[in-house]
Amino acid sequence: MAMEAAEIEALIKAALPDARVEVRDLAGDGDHYSATVISESFRGKTRVQQHQIVYAALKGAMDKQLHALALQTGAPA
């Protein structure tokens, strides 16, 4: 079952309301996305911790609906 980019963005923004989120469908198949997520919540956290926060926001979609999500995360400059 494929997932829409807007759904991914909504899940991330629900968990990180201050986040700037850009989601791109890499293959046009609804399974392969890249996302850039910028949030103050990431300040002082390692890249791994930042990614874990995003994966938690997706509420298990990585196991069921998404095949691949390339993440770029960071705190605002």
C-alpha atoms as a PDB file:
ATOM      1  CA  MET A   1       0.000   0.000   0.000  1.00  0.00           C
ATOM      2  CA  ALA A   2       1.600   3.263  -1.149  1.00  0.00           C
ATOM      3  CA  MET A   3       1.682   6.471   0.849  1.00  0.00           C
ATOM      4  CA  GLU A   4       1.147  10.017  -0.401  1.00  0.00           C
ATOM      5  CA  ALA A   5       3.783  12.703   0.176  1.00  0.00           C
ATOM      6  CA  ALA A   6       1.154  14.890   1.858  1.00  0.00           C
ATOM      7  CA  GLU A   7       0.422  12.120   4.366  1.00  0.00           C
ATOM      8  CA  ILE A   8       4.110  11.802   5.252  1.00  0.00           C
ATOM      9  CA  GLU A   9       4.357  15.564   5.679  1.00  0.00           C
ATOM     10  CA  ALA A  10       1.218  15.668   7.857  1.00  0.00           C
ATOM     11  CA  LEU A  11       2.507  12.930  10.174  1.00  0.00           C
ATOM     12  CA  ILE A  12       5.843  14.679  10.617  1.00  0.00           C
ATOM     13  CA  LYS A  13       4.211  18.067  11.234  1.00  0.00           C
ATOM     14  CA  ALA A  14       1.815  16.538  13.763  1.00  0.00           C
ATOM     15  CA  ALA A  15       4.818  15.358  15.811  1.00  0.00           C
ATOM     16  CA  LEU A  16       6.999  18.411  15.069  1.00  0.00           C
ATOM     17  CA  PRO A  17       4.641  21.385  14.613  1.00  0.00           C
ATOM     18  CA  ASP A  18       7.495  23.868  14.099  1.00  0.00           C
ATOM     19  CA  ALA A  19       9.147  21.777  11.368  1.00  0.00           C
ATOM     20  CA  ARG A  20       9.789  22.855   7.819  1.00  0.00           C
ATOM     21  CA  VAL A  21       9.135  19.703   5.822  1.00  0.00           C
ATOM     22  CA  GLU A  22       9.760  18.976   2.148  1.00  0.00           C
ATOM     23  CA  VAL A  23       8.875  15.518   0.836  1.00  0.00           C
ATOM     24  CA  ARG A  24       9.730  14.325  -2.682  1.00  0.00           C
ATOM     25  CA  ASP A  25       8.563  11.130  -4.396  1.00  0.00           C
ATOM     26  CA  LEU A  26      11.776   9.799  -5.926  1.00  0.00           C
ATOM     27  CA  ALA A  27      10.363   7.082  -8.165  1.00  0.00           C
ATOM     28  CA  GLY A  28       6.732   8.075  -8.710  1.00  0.00           C
ATOM     29  CA  ASP A  29       5.593   4.863  -7.046  1.00  0.00           C
ATOM     30  CA  GLY A  30       4.577   6.121  -3.590  1.00  0.00           C
ATOM     31  CA  ASP A  31       7.194   3.876  -1.960  1.00  0.00           C
ATOM     32  CA  HIS A  32      10.476   5.760  -2.396  1.00  0.00           C
ATOM     33  CA  TYR A  33      10.711   9.246  -0.899  1.00  0.00           C
ATOM     34  CA  SER A  34      13.236  11.734   0.295  1.00  0.00           C
ATOM     35  CA  ALA A  35      12.427  14.244   3.005  1.00  0.00           C
ATOM     36  CA  THR A  36      14.124  17.294   4.418  1.00  0.00           C
ATOM     37  CA  VAL A  37      12.996  18.136   7.939  1.00  0.00           C
ATOM     38  CA  ILE A  38      14.238  21.235   9.779  1.00  0.00           C
ATOM     39  CA  SER A  39      13.108  21.649  13.387  1.00  0.00           C
ATOM     40  CA  GLU A  40      14.313  23.413  16.505  1.00  0.00           C
ATOM     41  CA  SER A  41      13.584  20.108  18.278  1.00  0.00           C
ATOM     42  CA  PHE A  42      16.692  18.681  16.616  1.00  0.00           C
ATOM     43  CA  ARG A  43      19.103  21.205  18.159  1.00  0.00           C
ATOM     44  CA  GLY A  44      21.749  19.407  20.208  1.00  0.00           C
ATOM     45  CA  LYS A  45      20.686  15.963  18.995  1.00  0.00           C
ATOM     46  CA  THR A  46      22.810  13.623  16.903  1.00  0.00           C
ATOM     47  CA  ARG A  47      21.799  12.840  13.336  1.00  0.00           C
ATOM     48  CA  VAL A  48      20.705   9.363  14.453  1.00  0.00           C
ATOM     49  CA  GLN A  49      18.498  10.837  17.189  1.00  0.00           C
ATOM     50  CA  GLN A  50      16.978  13.273  14.683  1.00  0.00           C
ATOM     51  CA  HIS A  51      16.140  10.444  12.300  1.00  0.00           C
ATOM     52  CA  GLN A  52      14.663   8.389  15.125  1.00  0.00           C
ATOM     53  CA  ILE A  53      12.325  11.279  15.941  1.00  0.00           C
ATOM     54  CA  VAL A  54      11.136  11.411  12.326  1.00  0.00           C
ATOM     55  CA  TYR A  55      10.667   7.630  12.128  1.00  0.00           C
ATOM     56  CA  ALA A  56       8.646   7.723  15.369  1.00  0.00           C
ATOM     57  CA  ALA A  57       6.454  10.445  13.834  1.00  0.00           C
ATOM     58  CA  LEU A  58       5.653   8.119  10.932  1.00  0.00           C
ATOM     59  CA  LYS A  59       3.985   5.703  13.367  1.00  0.00           C
ATOM     60  CA  GLY A  60       5.183   2.455  11.835  1.00  0.00           C
ATOM     61  CA  ALA A  61       4.740   3.431   8.178  1.00  0.00           C
ATOM     62  CA  MET A  62       8.385   2.513   7.502  1.00  0.00           C
ATOM     63  CA  ASP A  63       7.504  -1.086   8.327  1.00  0.00           C
ATOM     64  CA  LYS A  64       4.285  -1.252   6.329  1.00  0.00           C
ATOM     65  CA  GLN A  65       3.739   1.449   3.710  1.00  0.00           C
ATOM     66  CA  LEU A  66       7.104   2.986   2.854  1.00  0.00           C
ATOM     67  CA  HIS A  67       9.916   1.067   1.248  1.00  0.00           C
ATOM     68  CA  ALA A  68      12.512   3.836   1.456  1.00  0.00           C
ATOM     69  CA  LEU A  69      12.814   7.290   2.973  1.00  0.00           C
ATOM     70  CA  ALA A  70      16.065   9.208   2.519  1.00  0.00           C
ATOM     71  CA  LEU A  71      16.239  11.793   5.308  1.00  0.00           C
ATOM     72  CA  GLN A  72      18.063  15.060   5.693  1.00  0.00           C
ATOM     73  CA  THR A  73      17.462  16.631   9.079  1.00  0.00           C
ATOM     74  CA  GLY A  74      18.766  19.542  11.061  1.00  0.00           C
ATOM     75  CA  ALA A  75      18.059  22.510  13.270  1.00  0.00           C
ATOM     76  CA  PRO A  76      17.382  25.944  11.781  1.00  0.00           C
ATOM     77  CA  ALA A  77      20.435  28.077  11.113  1.00  0.00           C
END
